[in-house]
Amino acid sequence: METEERTLQLPQKRYYRQRAHSNPIADHSVEYPPSPNDMDWSPLYPELKDPTCEKKVEFVDVGCGYGGLLVTLSPMFPSTLILGLEIRVKVSDYVIDRVAALRSQNKGQYENIACIRTNAMKYLPNYFRKAQVRRCFANCILNSQYENIACIRTNAMKYLPNYFRKAQAL
């Protein structure tokens, strides 16, 4: 009996709408690795299922939203693993479904991007080793309405240079 491969359709945003803001200080039920050594990337990136592949995630989009930057960067950097981090449940589900649909429609493409739901302000060091990340794209809203969050984000950001490589030419 032959199995027929079905092409997935791109998800529609209207089924994944959510409030624009999610409180990063609130307790979210997010599963995260205890340390970078415990993070298994193989379910997210097909090429990492090969145990001889030693690639690491090098680009990170913190607050990736609906994944526009991930999808744009994927063909530009096909050999670089790119990860989107999003705290909102429905939005991260949309990006995960979008990546699956793009992979289904374009065989061999978009296999270098993935998205996970996590709180980057709390758990970013649990995912990446020191100097693992080459580029970090952060979508931060800083205004007076969110003063406390901006303060916490500023304190968290001062430790981030430990996890990123020194700037290199692309």
N, C-alpha and C. Protein backbone atom coordinates (compact mmCIF):
# COMPACT_ATOMS: atom_id res chain seq x y z
N MET A 1 0.84 -1.19 0.00
CA MET A 1 0.00 0.00 0.00
C MET A 1 0.88 1.24 0.00
N GLU A 2 0.70 2.09 -0.97
CA GLU A 2 1.50 3.30 -1.07
C GLU A 2 0.92 4.40 -0.20
N THR A 3 1.84 5.16 0.42
CA THR A 3 1.39 6.30 1.20
C THR A 3 1.52 7.54 0.33
N GLU A 4 0.50 8.34 0.33
CA GLU A 4 0.47 9.54 -0.48
C GLU A 4 0.90 10.73 0.39
N GLU A 5 1.90 11.48 -0.09
CA GLU A 5 2.36 12.65 0.65
C GLU A 5 1.40 13.79 0.41
N ARG A 6 0.93 14.37 1.49
CA ARG A 6 -0.01 15.47 1.40
C ARG A 6 0.71 16.79 1.62
N THR A 7 0.46 17.76 0.77
CA THR A 7 1.04 19.08 0.93
C THR A 7 0.18 19.88 1.89
N LEU A 8 0.82 20.41 2.92
CA LEU A 8 0.10 21.21 3.91
C LEU A 8 -0.16 22.61 3.38
N GLN A 9 -1.30 23.15 3.72
CA GLN A 9 -1.63 24.52 3.33
C GLN A 9 -1.10 25.49 4.39
N LEU A 10 -0.74 26.68 3.95
CA LEU A 10 -0.27 27.70 4.90
C LEU A 10 -1.40 28.04 5.87
N PRO A 11 -1.07 28.22 7.14
CA PRO A 11 -2.12 28.56 8.11
C PRO A 11 -2.62 29.98 7.88
N GLN A 12 -3.83 30.25 8.34
CA GLN A 12 -4.41 31.58 8.22
C GLN A 12 -4.33 32.28 9.57
N LYS A 13 -3.80 33.50 9.57
CA LYS A 13 -3.59 34.23 10.82
C LYS A 13 -4.87 34.42 11.62
N ARG A 14 -5.98 34.54 10.95
CA ARG A 14 -7.23 34.84 11.66
C ARG A 14 -7.59 33.76 12.68
N TYR A 15 -7.05 32.54 12.50
CA TYR A 15 -7.33 31.47 13.45
C TYR A 15 -6.31 31.42 14.59
N TYR A 16 -5.33 32.32 14.55
CA TYR A 16 -4.25 32.32 15.54
C TYR A 16 -4.12 33.68 16.23
N ARG A 17 -5.16 34.47 16.25
CA ARG A 17 -5.09 35.80 16.85
C ARG A 17 -4.97 35.72 18.36
N GLN A 18 -4.19 36.64 18.90
CA GLN A 18 -4.00 36.71 20.35
C GLN A 18 -3.65 38.14 20.71
N ARG A 19 -3.84 38.47 21.98
CA ARG A 19 -3.48 39.81 22.44
C ARG A 19 -2.03 40.11 22.08
N ALA A 20 -1.76 41.37 21.85
CA ALA A 20 -0.42 41.77 21.42
C ALA A 20 0.61 41.63 22.54
N HIS A 21 0.17 41.68 23.78
CA HIS A 21 1.11 41.65 24.88
C HIS A 21 0.90 40.42 25.75
N SER A 22 2.00 39.83 26.14
CA SER A 22 1.97 38.72 27.09
C SER A 22 2.96 39.06 28.19
N ASN A 23 2.53 39.01 29.43
CA ASN A 23 3.37 39.42 30.54
C ASN A 23 4.51 38.42 30.75
N PRO A 24 5.76 38.82 30.46
CA PRO A 24 6.88 37.89 30.60
C PRO A 24 7.22 37.57 32.05
N ILE A 25 6.70 38.36 32.98
CA ILE A 25 6.99 38.13 34.40
C ILE A 25 6.04 37.08 34.97
N ALA A 26 4.88 36.93 34.36
CA ALA A 26 3.90 35.95 34.83
C ALA A 26 4.44 34.53 34.68
N ASP A 27 3.90 33.64 35.45
CA ASP A 27 4.29 32.24 35.35
C ASP A 27 3.60 31.61 34.15
N HIS A 28 4.39 31.18 33.19
CA HIS A 28 3.87 30.51 32.01
C HIS A 28 4.25 29.04 32.14
N SER A 29 3.42 28.17 31.61
CA SER A 29 3.77 26.75 31.63
C SER A 29 4.63 26.44 30.40
N VAL A 30 5.90 26.74 30.53
CA VAL A 30 6.85 26.57 29.44
C VAL A 30 7.84 25.47 29.83
N GLU A 31 7.99 24.50 28.95
CA GLU A 31 9.02 23.49 29.17
C GLU A 31 10.32 24.00 28.58
N TYR A 32 11.38 23.92 29.36
CA TYR A 32 12.67 24.40 28.91
C TYR A 32 13.75 23.45 29.41
N PRO A 33 14.88 23.40 28.71
CA PRO A 33 15.94 22.49 29.15
C PRO A 33 16.65 23.04 30.38
N PRO A 34 17.11 22.17 31.28
CA PRO A 34 17.84 22.65 32.45
C PRO A 34 19.17 23.32 32.10
N SER A 35 19.77 22.89 30.97
CA SER A 35 21.02 23.49 30.52
C SER A 35 21.11 23.33 29.00
N PRO A 36 22.00 24.07 28.35
CA PRO A 36 22.14 23.93 26.89
C PRO A 36 22.52 22.52 26.46
N ASN A 37 23.23 21.80 27.30
CA ASN A 37 23.62 20.43 26.95
C ASN A 37 22.43 19.48 26.87
N ASP A 38 21.33 19.84 27.52
CA ASP A 38 20.14 19.00 27.54
C ASP A 38 19.16 19.32 26.42
N MET A 39 19.45 20.33 25.62
CA MET A 39 18.54 20.73 24.54
C MET A 39 18.73 19.82 23.33
N ASP A 40 17.66 19.17 22.92
CA ASP A 40 17.67 18.30 21.74
C ASP A 40 17.04 19.08 20.58
N TRP A 41 17.88 19.47 19.62
CA TRP A 41 17.41 20.28 18.50
C TRP A 41 16.88 19.42 17.35
N SER A 42 17.09 18.12 17.39
CA SER A 42 16.74 17.27 16.24
C SER A 42 15.25 17.26 15.89
N PRO A 43 14.30 17.38 16.83
CA PRO A 43 12.90 17.44 16.40
C PRO A 43 12.56 18.71 15.62
N LEU A 44 13.36 19.76 15.80
CA LEU A 44 13.08 21.04 15.14
C LEU A 44 13.71 21.16 13.76
N TYR A 45 14.88 20.56 13.59
CA TYR A 45 15.63 20.69 12.34
C TYR A 45 15.89 19.30 11.75
N PRO A 46 15.32 18.99 10.58
CA PRO A 46 15.46 17.65 9.99
C PRO A 46 16.90 17.18 9.82
N GLU A 47 17.80 18.08 9.44
CA GLU A 47 19.18 17.64 9.19
C GLU A 47 19.90 17.24 10.46
N LEU A 48 19.42 17.65 11.62
CA LEU A 48 20.07 17.29 12.87
C LEU A 48 19.69 15.88 13.34
N LYS A 49 18.79 15.23 12.62
CA LYS A 49 18.46 13.84 12.96
C LYS A 49 19.64 12.92 12.65
N ASP A 50 20.54 13.39 11.80
CA ASP A 50 21.77 12.66 11.51
C ASP A 50 22.73 12.90 12.69
N PRO A 51 23.12 11.85 13.42
CA PRO A 51 23.95 12.05 14.61
C PRO A 51 25.34 12.60 14.32
N THR A 52 25.80 12.54 13.05
CA THR A 52 27.12 13.07 12.73
C THR A 52 27.09 14.59 12.50
N CYS A 53 25.91 15.14 12.33
CA CYS A 53 25.79 16.59 12.09
C CYS A 53 26.01 17.35 13.39
N GLU A 54 26.93 18.29 13.36
CA GLU A 54 27.25 19.05 14.58
C GLU A 54 26.87 20.52 14.47
N LYS A 55 25.93 20.84 13.61
CA LYS A 55 25.51 22.23 13.46
C LYS A 55 24.82 22.71 14.73
N LYS A 56 24.91 24.00 14.98
CA LYS A 56 24.26 24.64 16.12
C LYS A 56 23.43 25.81 15.62
N VAL A 57 22.43 26.18 16.38
CA VAL A 57 21.63 27.36 16.06
C VAL A 57 22.54 28.58 16.18
N GLU A 58 22.57 29.40 15.13
CA GLU A 58 23.44 30.57 15.13
C GLU A 58 22.68 31.89 15.08
N PHE A 59 21.47 31.90 14.53
CA PHE A 59 20.65 33.10 14.48
C PHE A 59 19.44 32.89 15.37
N VAL A 60 19.11 33.88 16.18
CA VAL A 60 17.94 33.80 17.06
C VAL A 60 17.10 35.05 16.87
N ASP A 61 15.80 34.85 16.68
CA ASP A 61 14.85 35.95 16.59
C ASP A 61 13.99 35.92 17.85
N VAL A 62 14.31 36.79 18.79
CA VAL A 62 13.58 36.85 20.06
C VAL A 62 12.32 37.67 19.85
N GLY A 63 11.17 37.07 20.17
CA GLY A 63 9.90 37.73 19.91
C GLY A 63 9.60 37.70 18.42
N CYS A 64 9.64 36.51 17.83
CA CYS A 64 9.57 36.37 16.37
C CYS A 64 8.20 36.71 15.78
N GLY A 65 7.19 36.88 16.63
CA GLY A 65 5.86 37.21 16.11
C GLY A 65 5.36 36.13 15.18
N TYR A 66 4.89 36.50 14.00
CA TYR A 66 4.33 35.55 13.05
C TYR A 66 5.38 34.94 12.12
N GLY A 67 6.66 35.15 12.42
CA GLY A 67 7.74 34.46 11.70
C GLY A 67 8.19 35.06 10.40
N GLY A 68 7.85 36.31 10.15
CA GLY A 68 8.24 36.95 8.89
C GLY A 68 9.74 37.01 8.68
N LEU A 69 10.48 37.36 9.74
CA LEU A 69 11.94 37.45 9.60
C LEU A 69 12.55 36.07 9.40
N LEU A 70 12.04 35.07 10.09
CA LEU A 70 12.55 33.70 9.92
C LEU A 70 12.41 33.26 8.46
N VAL A 71 11.24 33.47 7.89
CA VAL A 71 10.96 33.04 6.52
C VAL A 71 11.81 33.82 5.53
N THR A 72 12.06 35.09 5.82
CA THR A 72 12.89 35.91 4.93
C THR A 72 14.35 35.49 4.99
N LEU A 73 14.85 35.21 6.19
CA LEU A 73 16.26 34.86 6.34
C LEU A 73 16.59 33.45 5.86
N SER A 74 15.63 32.56 5.88
CA SER A 74 15.87 31.16 5.54
C SER A 74 16.56 30.97 4.18
N PRO A 75 16.02 31.52 3.09
CA PRO A 75 16.71 31.32 1.80
C PRO A 75 18.00 32.14 1.69
N MET A 76 18.12 33.20 2.47
CA MET A 76 19.32 34.03 2.41
C MET A 76 20.51 33.33 3.09
N PHE A 77 20.24 32.53 4.12
CA PHE A 77 21.27 31.82 4.86
C PHE A 77 20.88 30.34 4.98
N PRO A 78 20.90 29.61 3.86
CA PRO A 78 20.39 28.23 3.87
C PRO A 78 21.19 27.25 4.72
N SER A 79 22.44 27.56 5.02
CA SER A 79 23.25 26.64 5.81
C SER A 79 23.32 27.03 7.29
N THR A 80 22.58 28.08 7.66
CA THR A 80 22.57 28.55 9.05
C THR A 80 21.26 28.17 9.72
N LEU A 81 21.34 27.59 10.90
CA LEU A 81 20.13 27.26 11.65
C LEU A 81 19.61 28.51 12.35
N ILE A 82 18.33 28.79 12.15
CA ILE A 82 17.69 30.01 12.66
C ILE A 82 16.52 29.60 13.55
N LEU A 83 16.45 30.19 14.74
CA LEU A 83 15.40 29.85 15.69
C LEU A 83 14.60 31.08 16.08
N GLY A 84 13.29 30.95 16.06
CA GLY A 84 12.40 32.01 16.55
C GLY A 84 11.91 31.64 17.94
N LEU A 85 11.93 32.61 18.83
CA LEU A 85 11.42 32.42 20.19
C LEU A 85 10.20 33.31 20.36
N GLU A 86 9.10 32.74 20.79
CA GLU A 86 7.86 33.51 20.97
C GLU A 86 7.18 33.03 22.24
N ILE A 87 6.67 33.97 23.03
CA ILE A 87 6.05 33.64 24.31
C ILE A 87 4.55 33.37 24.17
N ARG A 88 3.92 33.93 23.15
CA ARG A 88 2.47 33.78 23.01
C ARG A 88 2.12 32.44 22.38
N VAL A 89 1.19 31.73 22.99
CA VAL A 89 0.85 30.36 22.59
C VAL A 89 0.35 30.29 21.16
N LYS A 90 -0.70 31.02 20.84
CA LYS A 90 -1.30 30.92 19.51
C LYS A 90 -0.35 31.40 18.42
N VAL A 91 0.43 32.41 18.73
CA VAL A 91 1.36 32.96 17.73
C VAL A 91 2.48 31.96 17.45
N SER A 92 3.02 31.34 18.50
CA SER A 92 4.07 30.34 18.28
C SER A 92 3.50 29.12 17.54
N ASP A 93 2.26 28.74 17.85
CA ASP A 93 1.61 27.64 17.12
C ASP A 93 1.48 27.98 15.63
N TYR A 94 1.16 29.24 15.33
CA TYR A 94 1.05 29.68 13.94
C TYR A 94 2.39 29.52 13.21
N VAL A 95 3.47 29.98 13.85
CA VAL A 95 4.79 29.90 13.21
C VAL A 95 5.19 28.45 12.99
N ILE A 96 4.94 27.60 13.98
CA ILE A 96 5.27 26.17 13.85
C ILE A 96 4.49 25.56 12.68
N ASP A 97 3.20 25.88 12.57
CA ASP A 97 2.39 25.38 11.46
C ASP A 97 2.84 25.97 10.12
N ARG A 98 3.24 27.24 10.13
CA ARG A 98 3.71 27.90 8.92
C ARG A 98 4.99 27.25 8.40
N VAL A 99 5.92 26.98 9.30
CA VAL A 99 7.17 26.33 8.91
C VAL A 99 6.89 24.93 8.35
N ALA A 100 6.00 24.19 9.00
CA ALA A 100 5.65 22.85 8.52
C ALA A 100 5.05 22.92 7.12
N ALA A 101 4.17 23.89 6.88
CA ALA A 101 3.55 24.05 5.57
C ALA A 101 4.57 24.45 4.51
N LEU A 102 5.47 25.37 4.84
CA LEU A 102 6.50 25.79 3.89
C LEU A 102 7.42 24.63 3.53
N ARG A 103 7.78 23.82 4.51
CA ARG A 103 8.62 22.65 4.25
C ARG A 103 7.88 21.65 3.35
N SER A 104 6.59 21.51 3.58
CA SER A 104 5.78 20.58 2.80
C SER A 104 5.64 21.04 1.35
N GLN A 105 5.48 22.35 1.14
CA GLN A 105 5.27 22.90 -0.19
C GLN A 105 6.58 23.08 -0.97
N ASN A 106 7.68 23.26 -0.26
CA ASN A 106 8.97 23.53 -0.90
C ASN A 106 9.99 22.50 -0.40
N LYS A 107 10.01 21.34 -0.99
CA LYS A 107 10.89 20.26 -0.54
C LYS A 107 12.34 20.71 -0.50
N GLY A 108 13.00 20.45 0.63
CA GLY A 108 14.41 20.80 0.78
C GLY A 108 14.66 22.24 1.21
N GLN A 109 13.62 23.03 1.30
CA GLN A 109 13.78 24.42 1.73
C GLN A 109 13.13 24.61 3.09
N TYR A 110 13.49 25.68 3.75
CA TYR A 110 12.95 26.08 5.05
C TYR A 110 13.21 25.04 6.14
N GLU A 111 14.19 24.18 5.92
CA GLU A 111 14.53 23.19 6.93
C GLU A 111 15.51 23.74 7.95
N ASN A 112 15.94 24.98 7.73
CA ASN A 112 16.89 25.60 8.65
C ASN A 112 16.20 26.57 9.63
N ILE A 113 14.87 26.63 9.63
CA ILE A 113 14.17 27.51 10.57
C ILE A 113 13.23 26.70 11.45
N ALA A 114 13.02 27.22 12.66
CA ALA A 114 12.10 26.59 13.60
C ALA A 114 11.67 27.64 14.62
N CYS A 115 10.64 27.31 15.37
CA CYS A 115 10.13 28.21 16.40
C CYS A 115 9.79 27.40 17.64
N ILE A 116 10.07 27.96 18.79
CA ILE A 116 9.65 27.34 20.04
C ILE A 116 8.98 28.39 20.91
N ARG A 117 8.06 27.92 21.73
CA ARG A 117 7.40 28.80 22.68
C ARG A 117 8.20 28.79 23.97
N THR A 118 8.71 29.94 24.34
CA THR A 118 9.47 30.07 25.57
C THR A 118 9.50 31.51 26.03
N ASN A 119 9.94 31.72 27.23
CA ASN A 119 10.12 33.05 27.79
C ASN A 119 11.61 33.36 27.71
N ALA A 120 12.01 34.10 26.70
CA ALA A 120 13.42 34.39 26.46
C ALA A 120 14.03 35.20 27.60
N MET A 121 13.23 36.04 28.25
CA MET A 121 13.77 36.84 29.34
C MET A 121 14.22 35.97 30.51
N LYS A 122 13.55 34.85 30.71
CA LYS A 122 13.90 33.97 31.83
C LYS A 122 14.83 32.83 31.43
N TYR A 123 14.61 32.25 30.26
CA TYR A 123 15.24 30.97 29.95
C TYR A 123 16.23 30.97 28.80
N LEU A 124 16.58 32.12 28.26
CA LEU A 124 17.50 32.16 27.13
C LEU A 124 18.82 31.41 27.40
N PRO A 125 19.44 31.58 28.57
CA PRO A 125 20.70 30.86 28.83
C PRO A 125 20.54 29.33 28.90
N ASN A 126 19.32 28.85 29.05
CA ASN A 126 19.09 27.41 29.12
C ASN A 126 19.15 26.75 27.73
N TYR A 127 19.10 27.55 26.68
CA TYR A 127 19.08 27.02 25.32
C TYR A 127 20.43 27.07 24.61
N PHE A 128 21.24 28.08 24.92
CA PHE A 128 22.44 28.31 24.12
C PHE A 128 23.71 28.30 24.97
N ARG A 129 24.75 27.71 24.40
CA ARG A 129 26.07 27.74 25.05
C ARG A 129 26.69 29.12 24.85
N LYS A 130 27.70 29.40 25.61
CA LYS A 130 28.40 30.67 25.45
C LYS A 130 29.00 30.76 24.05
N ALA A 131 28.84 31.90 23.43
CA ALA A 131 29.37 32.22 22.10
C ALA A 131 28.76 31.36 20.99
N GLN A 132 27.62 30.73 21.23
CA GLN A 132 26.98 29.91 20.20
C GLN A 132 26.25 30.77 19.17
N VAL A 133 25.58 31.82 19.62
CA VAL A 133 24.72 32.63 18.75
C VAL A 133 25.55 33.70 18.05
N ARG A 134 25.42 33.73 16.71
CA ARG A 134 26.15 34.72 15.92
C ARG A 134 25.36 36.00 15.73
N ARG A 135 24.03 35.89 15.55
CA ARG A 135 23.17 37.05 15.36
C ARG A 135 21.92 36.89 16.21
N CYS A 136 21.53 37.96 16.88
CA CYS A 136 20.30 37.96 17.67
C CYS A 136 19.44 39.13 17.22
N PHE A 137 18.22 38.83 16.84
CA PHE A 137 17.26 39.86 16.44
C PHE A 137 16.23 39.93 17.55
N ALA A 138 16.11 41.09 18.19
CA ALA A 138 15.17 41.23 19.31
C ALA A 138 14.15 42.30 19.00
N ASN A 139 12.89 41.95 19.12
CA ASN A 139 11.80 42.88 18.92
C ASN A 139 11.32 43.31 20.29
N CYS A 140 11.83 44.44 20.77
CA CYS A 140 11.51 44.90 22.12
C CYS A 140 10.68 46.17 22.07
N ILE A 141 9.60 46.18 22.80
CA ILE A 141 8.78 47.38 22.91
C ILE A 141 9.16 48.06 24.22
N LEU A 142 9.76 49.21 24.10
CA LEU A 142 10.14 49.94 25.31
C LEU A 142 9.42 51.29 25.31
N ASN A 143 8.46 51.43 26.19
CA ASN A 143 7.81 52.72 26.36
C ASN A 143 7.37 52.85 27.81
N SER A 144 6.87 54.00 28.16
CA SER A 144 6.53 54.27 29.56
C SER A 144 5.43 53.38 30.10
N GLN A 145 4.59 52.84 29.22
CA GLN A 145 3.51 51.98 29.67
C GLN A 145 4.05 50.69 30.31
N TYR A 146 5.22 50.27 29.86
CA TYR A 146 5.81 49.03 30.36
C TYR A 146 7.13 49.31 31.07
N GLU A 147 7.18 50.30 31.94
CA GLU A 147 8.43 50.69 32.59
C GLU A 147 9.08 49.54 33.34
N ASN A 148 8.31 48.80 34.13
CA ASN A 148 8.89 47.71 34.91
C ASN A 148 9.48 46.63 34.02
N ILE A 149 8.77 46.31 32.94
CA ILE A 149 9.27 45.30 32.02
C ILE A 149 10.54 45.79 31.36
N ALA A 150 10.57 47.07 30.98
CA ALA A 150 11.76 47.63 30.35
C ALA A 150 12.95 47.54 31.31
N CYS A 151 12.71 47.78 32.58
CA CYS A 151 13.77 47.71 33.59
C CYS A 151 14.30 46.27 33.69
N ILE A 152 13.40 45.32 33.76
CA ILE A 152 13.81 43.91 33.85
C ILE A 152 14.53 43.49 32.59
N ARG A 153 14.00 43.91 31.43
CA ARG A 153 14.63 43.56 30.16
C ARG A 153 16.04 44.14 30.10
N THR A 154 16.23 45.37 30.57
CA THR A 154 17.54 46.00 30.56
C THR A 154 18.50 45.21 31.43
N ASN A 155 18.05 44.78 32.60
CA ASN A 155 18.92 44.00 33.48
C ASN A 155 19.27 42.65 32.86
N ALA A 156 18.31 42.02 32.20
CA ALA A 156 18.58 40.73 31.57
C ALA A 156 19.52 40.90 30.38
N MET A 157 19.36 41.97 29.63
CA MET A 157 20.14 42.18 28.41
C MET A 157 21.62 42.41 28.72
N LYS A 158 21.97 42.90 29.90
CA LYS A 158 23.38 43.15 30.17
C LYS A 158 24.20 41.87 30.26
N TYR A 159 23.53 40.72 30.47
CA TYR A 159 24.23 39.44 30.52
C TYR A 159 24.29 38.74 29.17
N LEU A 160 23.50 39.19 28.21
CA LEU A 160 23.42 38.50 26.92
C LEU A 160 24.72 38.47 26.13
N PRO A 161 25.59 39.49 26.20
CA PRO A 161 26.82 39.40 25.40
C PRO A 161 27.65 38.15 25.69
N ASN A 162 27.50 37.55 26.85
CA ASN A 162 28.23 36.31 27.15
C ASN A 162 27.81 35.17 26.25
N TYR A 163 26.61 35.24 25.69
CA TYR A 163 26.09 34.13 24.90
C TYR A 163 26.22 34.36 23.39
N PHE A 164 26.70 35.50 22.98
CA PHE A 164 26.80 35.81 21.56
C PHE A 164 28.25 35.99 21.16
N ARG A 165 28.58 35.52 19.95
CA ARG A 165 29.93 35.71 19.45
C ARG A 165 30.17 37.16 19.12
N LYS A 166 31.42 37.53 19.09
CA LYS A 166 31.76 38.90 18.67
C LYS A 166 31.29 39.07 17.23
N ALA A 167 30.89 40.29 16.90
CA ALA A 167 30.32 40.58 15.58
C ALA A 167 31.29 40.16 14.47
N GLN A 168 30.75 39.46 13.49
CA GLN A 168 31.53 39.02 12.34
C GLN A 168 30.77 39.44 11.09
N ALA A 169 31.50 39.56 10.02
CA ALA A 169 30.83 39.89 8.76
C ALA A 169 29.99 38.69 8.33
N LEU A 170 28.80 38.98 7.82
CA LEU A 170 27.95 37.90 7.30
C LEU A 170 28.59 37.39 6.05
